[in-house]
Amino acid sequence: MHTISTQSAPVGKLEFLSFQLGGMEYGVDFCKVKELLTFQSLERFASEGTIVKGVAVSRGVIMPLVDMRVAFNERAASPGPMTDVIILQLSSCVMGMLVDGVTDVVRMYPDQITPIPGMTRENGCDYLMGLGETDGRRLILVDIDKLMSIRRETVAQQAA
């Protein structure tokens, strides 16, 4: 299990959990994060799919595991002992998200976040909040609720 600082962010700053996917660094709203685990530490059951890596139990909560490594890179390797799982509390459910690795908690002011060039609501990228820059780092900030609602709609359409 990873340890994350629970110090309060300075007033006006936003907190994002940063993680790696395919060599890029991303961030999700830290308020959505319930827990950090390794893939190997989870009690898993049910069959695996391509993006949904089955179902797991953490602290008595049954949740789907979504392999974001596959969603962002179709040739991602199978989860290994060091694959990290971010347990998220979304507006509609609890889920686990597999990533290459969790980095840390990044704090930044709203004016440190700029739109991603070429990404617009019209081209289906409204789940990308922007590009955050702080201390020489660039994070692609993701609205995980919007991204997972798109994924659920896609899965439902493929099943129909």
N, C-alpha and C. Protein backbone atom coordinates (compact mmCIF):
# COMPACT_ATOMS: atom_id res chain seq x y z
N MET A 1 0.85 -1.17 0.00
CA MET A 1 0.00 0.00 0.00
C MET A 1 0.90 1.24 0.00
N HIS A 2 0.52 2.23 -0.78
CA HIS A 2 1.26 3.49 -0.86
C HIS A 2 0.79 4.43 0.25
N THR A 3 1.69 5.28 0.69
CA THR A 3 1.34 6.30 1.67
C THR A 3 1.33 7.64 0.97
N ILE A 4 0.27 8.41 1.21
CA ILE A 4 0.14 9.72 0.58
C ILE A 4 -0.02 10.74 1.68
N SER A 5 0.65 11.85 1.54
CA SER A 5 0.53 12.93 2.52
C SER A 5 -0.90 13.43 2.57
N THR A 6 -1.41 13.61 3.77
CA THR A 6 -2.78 14.10 3.92
C THR A 6 -2.81 15.55 4.38
N GLN A 7 -1.67 16.26 4.24
CA GLN A 7 -1.64 17.66 4.61
C GLN A 7 -2.62 18.43 3.74
N SER A 8 -3.24 19.42 4.32
CA SER A 8 -4.18 20.23 3.55
C SER A 8 -3.45 21.07 2.53
N ALA A 9 -4.07 21.22 1.37
CA ALA A 9 -3.49 22.07 0.33
C ALA A 9 -3.67 23.52 0.75
N PRO A 10 -2.71 24.37 0.38
CA PRO A 10 -2.89 25.80 0.66
C PRO A 10 -4.17 26.29 -0.02
N VAL A 11 -4.79 27.30 0.58
CA VAL A 11 -6.05 27.83 0.07
C VAL A 11 -5.89 28.20 -1.41
N GLY A 12 -6.85 27.79 -2.22
CA GLY A 12 -6.83 28.12 -3.64
C GLY A 12 -6.13 27.09 -4.50
N LYS A 13 -5.35 26.19 -3.90
CA LYS A 13 -4.65 25.18 -4.69
C LYS A 13 -5.53 23.95 -4.84
N LEU A 14 -5.38 23.29 -6.00
CA LEU A 14 -6.08 22.06 -6.30
C LEU A 14 -5.09 20.91 -6.11
N GLU A 15 -5.59 19.74 -5.72
CA GLU A 15 -4.73 18.58 -5.52
C GLU A 15 -5.07 17.50 -6.53
N PHE A 16 -4.02 16.95 -7.14
CA PHE A 16 -4.18 15.88 -8.12
C PHE A 16 -3.23 14.74 -7.76
N LEU A 17 -3.72 13.51 -7.87
CA LEU A 17 -2.85 12.35 -7.74
C LEU A 17 -2.24 12.13 -9.11
N SER A 18 -0.91 12.14 -9.18
CA SER A 18 -0.25 11.95 -10.47
C SER A 18 0.14 10.49 -10.64
N PHE A 19 0.06 10.03 -11.90
CA PHE A 19 0.39 8.64 -12.21
C PHE A 19 0.91 8.55 -13.63
N GLN A 20 1.58 7.45 -13.92
CA GLN A 20 2.18 7.21 -15.23
C GLN A 20 1.34 6.24 -16.05
N LEU A 21 1.21 6.55 -17.33
CA LEU A 21 0.59 5.65 -18.31
C LEU A 21 1.38 5.79 -19.60
N GLY A 22 2.01 4.73 -20.04
CA GLY A 22 2.72 4.75 -21.31
C GLY A 22 3.72 5.87 -21.45
N GLY A 23 4.44 6.19 -20.39
CA GLY A 23 5.47 7.21 -20.45
C GLY A 23 4.97 8.64 -20.28
N MET A 24 3.68 8.83 -20.16
CA MET A 24 3.10 10.16 -19.94
C MET A 24 2.66 10.26 -18.48
N GLU A 25 2.60 11.49 -17.97
CA GLU A 25 2.16 11.69 -16.59
C GLU A 25 0.78 12.33 -16.60
N TYR A 26 -0.13 11.73 -15.84
CA TYR A 26 -1.52 12.18 -15.77
C TYR A 26 -1.85 12.55 -14.33
N GLY A 27 -2.98 13.22 -14.16
CA GLY A 27 -3.44 13.56 -12.82
C GLY A 27 -4.95 13.46 -12.73
N VAL A 28 -5.44 12.98 -11.59
CA VAL A 28 -6.87 12.95 -11.30
C VAL A 28 -7.10 13.68 -9.98
N ASP A 29 -8.29 14.22 -9.82
CA ASP A 29 -8.67 14.94 -8.60
C ASP A 29 -8.41 14.04 -7.39
N PHE A 30 -7.57 14.51 -6.49
CA PHE A 30 -7.21 13.72 -5.32
C PHE A 30 -8.41 13.39 -4.44
N CYS A 31 -9.45 14.22 -4.48
CA CYS A 31 -10.65 13.96 -3.68
C CYS A 31 -11.36 12.68 -4.10
N LYS A 32 -11.13 12.22 -5.32
CA LYS A 32 -11.76 10.99 -5.83
C LYS A 32 -11.03 9.73 -5.37
N VAL A 33 -9.81 9.87 -4.85
CA VAL A 33 -8.98 8.72 -4.49
C VAL A 33 -9.34 8.22 -3.10
N LYS A 34 -9.69 6.93 -3.02
CA LYS A 34 -9.98 6.31 -1.73
C LYS A 34 -8.77 5.60 -1.15
N GLU A 35 -8.00 4.95 -2.06
CA GLU A 35 -6.92 4.09 -1.58
C GLU A 35 -5.98 3.77 -2.74
N LEU A 36 -4.74 3.43 -2.41
CA LEU A 36 -3.76 2.99 -3.39
C LEU A 36 -3.26 1.61 -3.01
N LEU A 37 -3.27 0.70 -3.96
CA LEU A 37 -2.84 -0.68 -3.72
C LEU A 37 -2.00 -1.16 -4.89
N THR A 38 -1.32 -2.29 -4.69
CA THR A 38 -0.69 -2.95 -5.82
C THR A 38 -1.70 -3.96 -6.36
N PHE A 39 -1.61 -4.25 -7.65
CA PHE A 39 -2.52 -5.19 -8.29
C PHE A 39 -2.47 -6.55 -7.59
N GLN A 40 -1.28 -6.97 -7.22
CA GLN A 40 -1.09 -8.27 -6.61
C GLN A 40 -1.77 -8.38 -5.24
N SER A 41 -1.94 -7.27 -4.54
CA SER A 41 -2.52 -7.31 -3.19
C SER A 41 -4.04 -7.42 -3.18
N LEU A 42 -4.69 -7.24 -4.34
CA LEU A 42 -6.14 -7.28 -4.39
C LEU A 42 -6.67 -8.71 -4.50
N GLU A 43 -7.76 -8.99 -3.81
CA GLU A 43 -8.47 -10.25 -3.97
C GLU A 43 -9.35 -10.10 -5.21
N ARG A 44 -8.99 -10.85 -6.27
CA ARG A 44 -9.68 -10.71 -7.55
C ARG A 44 -10.50 -11.96 -7.84
N PHE A 45 -11.61 -11.74 -8.54
CA PHE A 45 -12.41 -12.87 -9.02
C PHE A 45 -13.13 -12.44 -10.28
N ALA A 46 -13.79 -13.33 -10.93
CA ALA A 46 -14.49 -13.11 -12.20
C ALA A 46 -13.49 -13.10 -13.35
N SER A 47 -14.00 -13.23 -14.55
CA SER A 47 -13.13 -13.35 -15.72
C SER A 47 -12.56 -11.99 -16.12
N GLU A 48 -11.43 -12.06 -16.82
CA GLU A 48 -10.77 -10.85 -17.28
C GLU A 48 -11.18 -10.54 -18.70
N GLY A 49 -11.29 -9.26 -19.01
CA GLY A 49 -11.53 -8.82 -20.38
C GLY A 49 -10.31 -8.05 -20.84
N THR A 50 -10.45 -7.33 -21.92
CA THR A 50 -9.32 -6.56 -22.43
C THR A 50 -9.07 -5.33 -21.58
N ILE A 51 -10.09 -4.51 -21.40
CA ILE A 51 -9.92 -3.30 -20.59
C ILE A 51 -10.37 -3.53 -19.15
N VAL A 52 -11.48 -4.25 -18.96
CA VAL A 52 -11.93 -4.55 -17.61
C VAL A 52 -11.20 -5.82 -17.16
N LYS A 53 -10.33 -5.67 -16.17
CA LYS A 53 -9.50 -6.77 -15.70
C LYS A 53 -10.20 -7.55 -14.58
N GLY A 54 -11.50 -7.71 -14.71
CA GLY A 54 -12.24 -8.50 -13.73
C GLY A 54 -12.83 -7.64 -12.63
N VAL A 55 -13.12 -8.30 -11.54
CA VAL A 55 -13.75 -7.67 -10.38
C VAL A 55 -12.89 -8.00 -9.17
N ALA A 56 -12.80 -7.06 -8.24
CA ALA A 56 -11.97 -7.25 -7.05
C ALA A 56 -12.73 -6.79 -5.82
N VAL A 57 -12.19 -7.17 -4.67
CA VAL A 57 -12.75 -6.75 -3.38
C VAL A 57 -11.67 -6.01 -2.62
N SER A 58 -12.01 -4.84 -2.09
CA SER A 58 -11.11 -4.09 -1.23
C SER A 58 -11.93 -3.53 -0.08
N ARG A 59 -11.55 -3.90 1.13
CA ARG A 59 -12.26 -3.44 2.34
C ARG A 59 -13.75 -3.74 2.26
N GLY A 60 -14.09 -4.89 1.70
CA GLY A 60 -15.47 -5.34 1.63
C GLY A 60 -16.27 -4.76 0.48
N VAL A 61 -15.65 -3.91 -0.36
CA VAL A 61 -16.34 -3.30 -1.49
C VAL A 61 -15.98 -4.05 -2.76
N ILE A 62 -17.00 -4.50 -3.49
CA ILE A 62 -16.78 -5.17 -4.77
C ILE A 62 -16.76 -4.12 -5.86
N MET A 63 -15.73 -4.19 -6.73
CA MET A 63 -15.57 -3.14 -7.74
C MET A 63 -14.96 -3.70 -9.01
N PRO A 64 -15.26 -3.05 -10.14
CA PRO A 64 -14.58 -3.43 -11.39
C PRO A 64 -13.16 -2.87 -11.39
N LEU A 65 -12.27 -3.56 -12.09
CA LEU A 65 -10.90 -3.09 -12.29
C LEU A 65 -10.74 -2.72 -13.76
N VAL A 66 -10.43 -1.47 -14.02
CA VAL A 66 -10.26 -0.99 -15.39
C VAL A 66 -8.78 -0.77 -15.64
N ASP A 67 -8.26 -1.42 -16.68
CA ASP A 67 -6.84 -1.30 -17.01
C ASP A 67 -6.64 -0.11 -17.93
N MET A 68 -6.30 1.04 -17.35
CA MET A 68 -6.10 2.25 -18.14
C MET A 68 -4.88 2.12 -19.04
N ARG A 69 -3.96 1.21 -18.71
CA ARG A 69 -2.79 0.99 -19.55
C ARG A 69 -3.22 0.47 -20.92
N VAL A 70 -4.25 -0.38 -20.95
CA VAL A 70 -4.77 -0.91 -22.21
C VAL A 70 -5.61 0.16 -22.91
N ALA A 71 -6.39 0.91 -22.14
CA ALA A 71 -7.24 1.94 -22.72
C ALA A 71 -6.41 3.01 -23.44
N PHE A 72 -5.20 3.31 -22.93
CA PHE A 72 -4.36 4.33 -23.53
C PHE A 72 -3.28 3.76 -24.44
N ASN A 73 -3.06 2.44 -24.40
CA ASN A 73 -2.05 1.79 -25.23
C ASN A 73 -2.45 0.33 -25.39
N GLU A 74 -2.96 -0.04 -26.55
CA GLU A 74 -3.52 -1.37 -26.76
C GLU A 74 -2.51 -2.50 -26.53
N ARG A 75 -1.22 -2.20 -26.53
CA ARG A 75 -0.21 -3.24 -26.37
C ARG A 75 0.39 -3.25 -24.96
N ALA A 76 -0.35 -2.86 -23.96
CA ALA A 76 0.17 -2.83 -22.60
C ALA A 76 0.42 -4.26 -22.11
N ALA A 77 1.47 -4.41 -21.31
CA ALA A 77 1.82 -5.72 -20.76
C ALA A 77 0.79 -6.15 -19.72
N SER A 78 0.77 -7.44 -19.42
CA SER A 78 -0.10 -7.94 -18.36
C SER A 78 0.30 -7.30 -17.04
N PRO A 79 -0.67 -7.12 -16.13
CA PRO A 79 -0.34 -6.52 -14.84
C PRO A 79 0.72 -7.35 -14.11
N GLY A 80 1.70 -6.69 -13.56
CA GLY A 80 2.76 -7.35 -12.81
C GLY A 80 2.69 -7.01 -11.34
N PRO A 81 3.65 -7.50 -10.57
CA PRO A 81 3.62 -7.26 -9.12
C PRO A 81 3.75 -5.79 -8.73
N MET A 82 4.33 -4.97 -9.63
CA MET A 82 4.50 -3.56 -9.30
C MET A 82 3.43 -2.67 -9.94
N THR A 83 2.46 -3.26 -10.63
CA THR A 83 1.37 -2.47 -11.21
C THR A 83 0.54 -1.87 -10.08
N ASP A 84 0.31 -0.57 -10.16
CA ASP A 84 -0.46 0.10 -9.12
C ASP A 84 -1.94 0.15 -9.47
N VAL A 85 -2.78 0.14 -8.43
CA VAL A 85 -4.23 0.26 -8.58
C VAL A 85 -4.68 1.45 -7.75
N ILE A 86 -5.35 2.38 -8.40
CA ILE A 86 -5.92 3.53 -7.71
C ILE A 86 -7.39 3.22 -7.49
N ILE A 87 -7.81 3.14 -6.25
CA ILE A 87 -9.22 2.91 -5.92
C ILE A 87 -9.89 4.28 -5.89
N LEU A 88 -10.91 4.45 -6.75
CA LEU A 88 -11.58 5.74 -6.91
C LEU A 88 -13.03 5.68 -6.46
N GLN A 89 -13.48 6.74 -5.85
CA GLN A 89 -14.90 6.91 -5.53
C GLN A 89 -15.47 7.87 -6.56
N LEU A 90 -16.13 7.30 -7.58
CA LEU A 90 -16.74 8.13 -8.61
C LEU A 90 -18.14 8.52 -8.17
N SER A 91 -18.80 9.38 -8.93
CA SER A 91 -20.15 9.79 -8.58
C SER A 91 -21.13 8.62 -8.67
N SER A 92 -20.81 7.62 -9.51
CA SER A 92 -21.75 6.51 -9.71
C SER A 92 -21.30 5.19 -9.12
N CYS A 93 -20.02 5.05 -8.75
CA CYS A 93 -19.55 3.76 -8.24
C CYS A 93 -18.14 3.88 -7.67
N VAL A 94 -17.66 2.78 -7.10
CA VAL A 94 -16.27 2.64 -6.70
C VAL A 94 -15.62 1.75 -7.75
N MET A 95 -14.42 2.10 -8.19
CA MET A 95 -13.73 1.28 -9.17
C MET A 95 -12.23 1.32 -8.92
N GLY A 96 -11.55 0.32 -9.45
CA GLY A 96 -10.09 0.29 -9.40
C GLY A 96 -9.54 0.61 -10.78
N MET A 97 -8.49 1.40 -10.84
CA MET A 97 -7.89 1.80 -12.10
C MET A 97 -6.42 1.38 -12.10
N LEU A 98 -6.05 0.47 -13.01
CA LEU A 98 -4.68 0.02 -13.12
C LEU A 98 -3.86 1.02 -13.91
N VAL A 99 -2.69 1.38 -13.37
CA VAL A 99 -1.78 2.34 -14.01
C VAL A 99 -0.36 1.78 -13.92
N ASP A 100 0.54 2.36 -14.72
CA ASP A 100 1.94 1.92 -14.69
C ASP A 100 2.59 2.22 -13.35
N GLY A 101 2.22 3.32 -12.73
CA GLY A 101 2.79 3.67 -11.43
C GLY A 101 2.24 4.97 -10.92
N VAL A 102 2.05 5.06 -9.61
CA VAL A 102 1.61 6.29 -8.96
C VAL A 102 2.85 7.10 -8.62
N THR A 103 2.80 8.41 -8.88
CA THR A 103 3.95 9.26 -8.65
C THR A 103 3.84 9.96 -7.28
N ASP A 104 2.90 10.90 -7.16
CA ASP A 104 2.73 11.63 -5.91
C ASP A 104 1.48 12.49 -5.98
N VAL A 105 1.28 13.34 -4.98
CA VAL A 105 0.19 14.31 -4.98
C VAL A 105 0.79 15.64 -5.41
N VAL A 106 0.18 16.24 -6.43
CA VAL A 106 0.66 17.51 -6.98
C VAL A 106 -0.36 18.59 -6.65
N ARG A 107 0.12 19.70 -6.13
CA ARG A 107 -0.75 20.82 -5.80
C ARG A 107 -0.46 21.96 -6.76
N MET A 108 -1.52 22.54 -7.32
CA MET A 108 -1.33 23.68 -8.23
C MET A 108 -2.53 24.60 -8.18
N TYR A 109 -2.27 25.86 -8.54
CA TYR A 109 -3.32 26.85 -8.62
C TYR A 109 -4.05 26.70 -9.96
N PRO A 110 -5.32 27.10 -10.03
CA PRO A 110 -6.07 27.01 -11.29
C PRO A 110 -5.37 27.71 -12.47
N ASP A 111 -4.62 28.79 -12.21
CA ASP A 111 -3.96 29.48 -13.32
C ASP A 111 -2.74 28.73 -13.85
N GLN A 112 -2.39 27.60 -13.21
CA GLN A 112 -1.31 26.74 -13.71
C GLN A 112 -1.85 25.67 -14.66
N ILE A 113 -3.15 25.72 -14.92
CA ILE A 113 -3.80 24.74 -15.80
C ILE A 113 -4.25 25.45 -17.06
N THR A 114 -3.81 24.94 -18.21
CA THR A 114 -4.17 25.53 -19.49
C THR A 114 -4.87 24.49 -20.36
N PRO A 115 -5.69 24.93 -21.33
CA PRO A 115 -6.33 23.97 -22.24
C PRO A 115 -5.27 23.20 -23.03
N ILE A 116 -5.59 21.96 -23.38
CA ILE A 116 -4.69 21.15 -24.20
C ILE A 116 -4.94 21.53 -25.65
N PRO A 117 -3.90 21.94 -26.37
CA PRO A 117 -4.08 22.36 -27.77
C PRO A 117 -4.74 21.26 -28.61
N GLY A 118 -5.76 21.66 -29.38
CA GLY A 118 -6.44 20.73 -30.27
C GLY A 118 -7.50 19.87 -29.62
N MET A 119 -7.62 19.91 -28.31
CA MET A 119 -8.62 19.10 -27.61
C MET A 119 -9.82 19.97 -27.29
N THR A 120 -10.97 19.60 -27.83
CA THR A 120 -12.19 20.36 -27.59
C THR A 120 -13.32 19.43 -27.23
N ARG A 121 -14.36 19.99 -26.69
CA ARG A 121 -15.56 19.23 -26.36
C ARG A 121 -16.15 18.61 -27.62
N GLU A 122 -16.05 19.33 -28.74
CA GLU A 122 -16.62 18.85 -30.00
C GLU A 122 -15.93 17.59 -30.51
N ASN A 123 -14.63 17.44 -30.26
CA ASN A 123 -13.95 16.24 -30.74
C ASN A 123 -13.91 15.13 -29.69
N GLY A 124 -14.81 15.21 -28.72
CA GLY A 124 -14.99 14.12 -27.76
C GLY A 124 -13.98 14.05 -26.64
N CYS A 125 -13.30 15.14 -26.34
CA CYS A 125 -12.27 15.12 -25.30
C CYS A 125 -12.64 15.98 -24.09
N ASP A 126 -13.93 16.07 -23.77
CA ASP A 126 -14.31 16.92 -22.64
C ASP A 126 -13.89 16.33 -21.30
N TYR A 127 -13.37 15.09 -21.29
CA TYR A 127 -12.87 14.49 -20.06
C TYR A 127 -11.44 14.97 -19.75
N LEU A 128 -10.79 15.68 -20.69
CA LEU A 128 -9.47 16.24 -20.43
C LEU A 128 -9.65 17.65 -19.88
N MET A 129 -9.27 17.85 -18.62
CA MET A 129 -9.45 19.13 -17.95
C MET A 129 -8.43 20.16 -18.42
N GLY A 130 -7.26 19.71 -18.81
CA GLY A 130 -6.22 20.62 -19.26
C GLY A 130 -4.84 20.08 -18.97
N LEU A 131 -3.87 20.94 -19.19
CA LEU A 131 -2.47 20.59 -18.97
C LEU A 131 -1.99 21.39 -17.77
N GLY A 132 -1.60 20.70 -16.72
CA GLY A 132 -1.10 21.36 -15.52
C GLY A 132 0.41 21.42 -15.53
N GLU A 133 0.96 22.59 -15.19
CA GLU A 133 2.41 22.76 -15.17
C GLU A 133 2.82 23.30 -13.82
N THR A 134 3.77 22.59 -13.18
CA THR A 134 4.30 23.04 -11.91
C THR A 134 5.68 22.44 -11.70
N ASP A 135 6.60 23.22 -11.22
CA ASP A 135 7.97 22.76 -10.92
C ASP A 135 8.60 22.00 -12.08
N GLY A 136 8.39 22.48 -13.32
CA GLY A 136 8.98 21.84 -14.49
C GLY A 136 8.30 20.57 -14.94
N ARG A 137 7.19 20.21 -14.33
CA ARG A 137 6.45 19.00 -14.70
C ARG A 137 5.19 19.38 -15.45
N ARG A 138 4.77 18.51 -16.37
CA ARG A 138 3.52 18.71 -17.10
C ARG A 138 2.65 17.48 -16.88
N LEU A 139 1.43 17.71 -16.40
CA LEU A 139 0.48 16.63 -16.17
C LEU A 139 -0.74 16.84 -17.05
N ILE A 140 -1.21 15.76 -17.66
CA ILE A 140 -2.47 15.79 -18.38
C ILE A 140 -3.54 15.51 -17.34
N LEU A 141 -4.40 16.49 -17.09
CA LEU A 141 -5.40 16.37 -16.03
C LEU A 141 -6.70 15.81 -16.59
N VAL A 142 -7.19 14.76 -15.95
CA VAL A 142 -8.33 14.00 -16.44
C VAL A 142 -9.49 14.13 -15.46
N ASP A 143 -10.68 14.43 -15.98
CA ASP A 143 -11.91 14.36 -15.18
C ASP A 143 -12.35 12.91 -15.23
N ILE A 144 -12.02 12.16 -14.20
CA ILE A 144 -12.21 10.71 -14.22
C ILE A 144 -13.68 10.32 -14.27
N ASP A 145 -14.57 11.11 -13.67
CA ASP A 145 -16.02 10.82 -13.76
C ASP A 145 -16.48 10.87 -15.21
N LYS A 146 -16.08 11.91 -15.95
CA LYS A 146 -16.47 12.03 -17.36
C LYS A 146 -15.86 10.91 -18.19
N LEU A 147 -14.59 10.61 -17.96
CA LEU A 147 -13.94 9.55 -18.73
C LEU A 147 -14.61 8.21 -18.50
N MET A 148 -14.92 7.89 -17.26
CA MET A 148 -15.54 6.59 -16.97
C MET A 148 -16.98 6.54 -17.46
N SER A 149 -17.68 7.67 -17.52
CA SER A 149 -19.04 7.64 -18.08
C SER A 149 -18.97 7.37 -19.58
N ILE A 150 -17.94 7.87 -20.27
CA ILE A 150 -17.75 7.58 -21.70
C ILE A 150 -17.46 6.09 -21.86
N ARG A 151 -16.60 5.54 -21.03
CA ARG A 151 -16.25 4.13 -21.10
C ARG A 151 -17.48 3.25 -20.88
N ARG A 152 -18.32 3.62 -19.90
CA ARG A 152 -19.53 2.82 -19.62
C ARG A 152 -20.47 2.86 -20.82
N GLU A 153 -20.63 4.04 -21.44
CA GLU A 153 -21.50 4.16 -22.61
C GLU A 153 -20.96 3.32 -23.78
N THR A 154 -19.63 3.33 -23.98
CA THR A 154 -19.00 2.56 -25.04
C THR A 154 -19.21 1.08 -24.83
N VAL A 155 -19.00 0.60 -23.60
CA VAL A 155 -19.20 -0.82 -23.28
C VAL A 155 -20.65 -1.22 -23.49
N ALA A 156 -21.59 -0.36 -23.07
CA ALA A 156 -23.02 -0.66 -23.25
C ALA A 156 -23.38 -0.71 -24.73
N GLN A 157 -22.82 0.20 -25.55
CA GLN A 157 -23.10 0.18 -26.98
C GLN A 157 -22.52 -1.07 -27.65
N GLN A 158 -21.33 -1.50 -27.21
CA GLN A 158 -20.73 -2.70 -27.79
C GLN A 158 -21.50 -3.95 -27.41
N ALA A 159 -22.11 -3.94 -26.22
CA ALA A 159 -22.89 -5.10 -25.77
C ALA A 159 -24.23 -5.21 -26.49
N ALA A 160 -24.76 -4.07 -26.97
CA ALA A 160 -26.10 -4.08 -27.62
C ALA A 160 -26.05 -4.64 -29.02
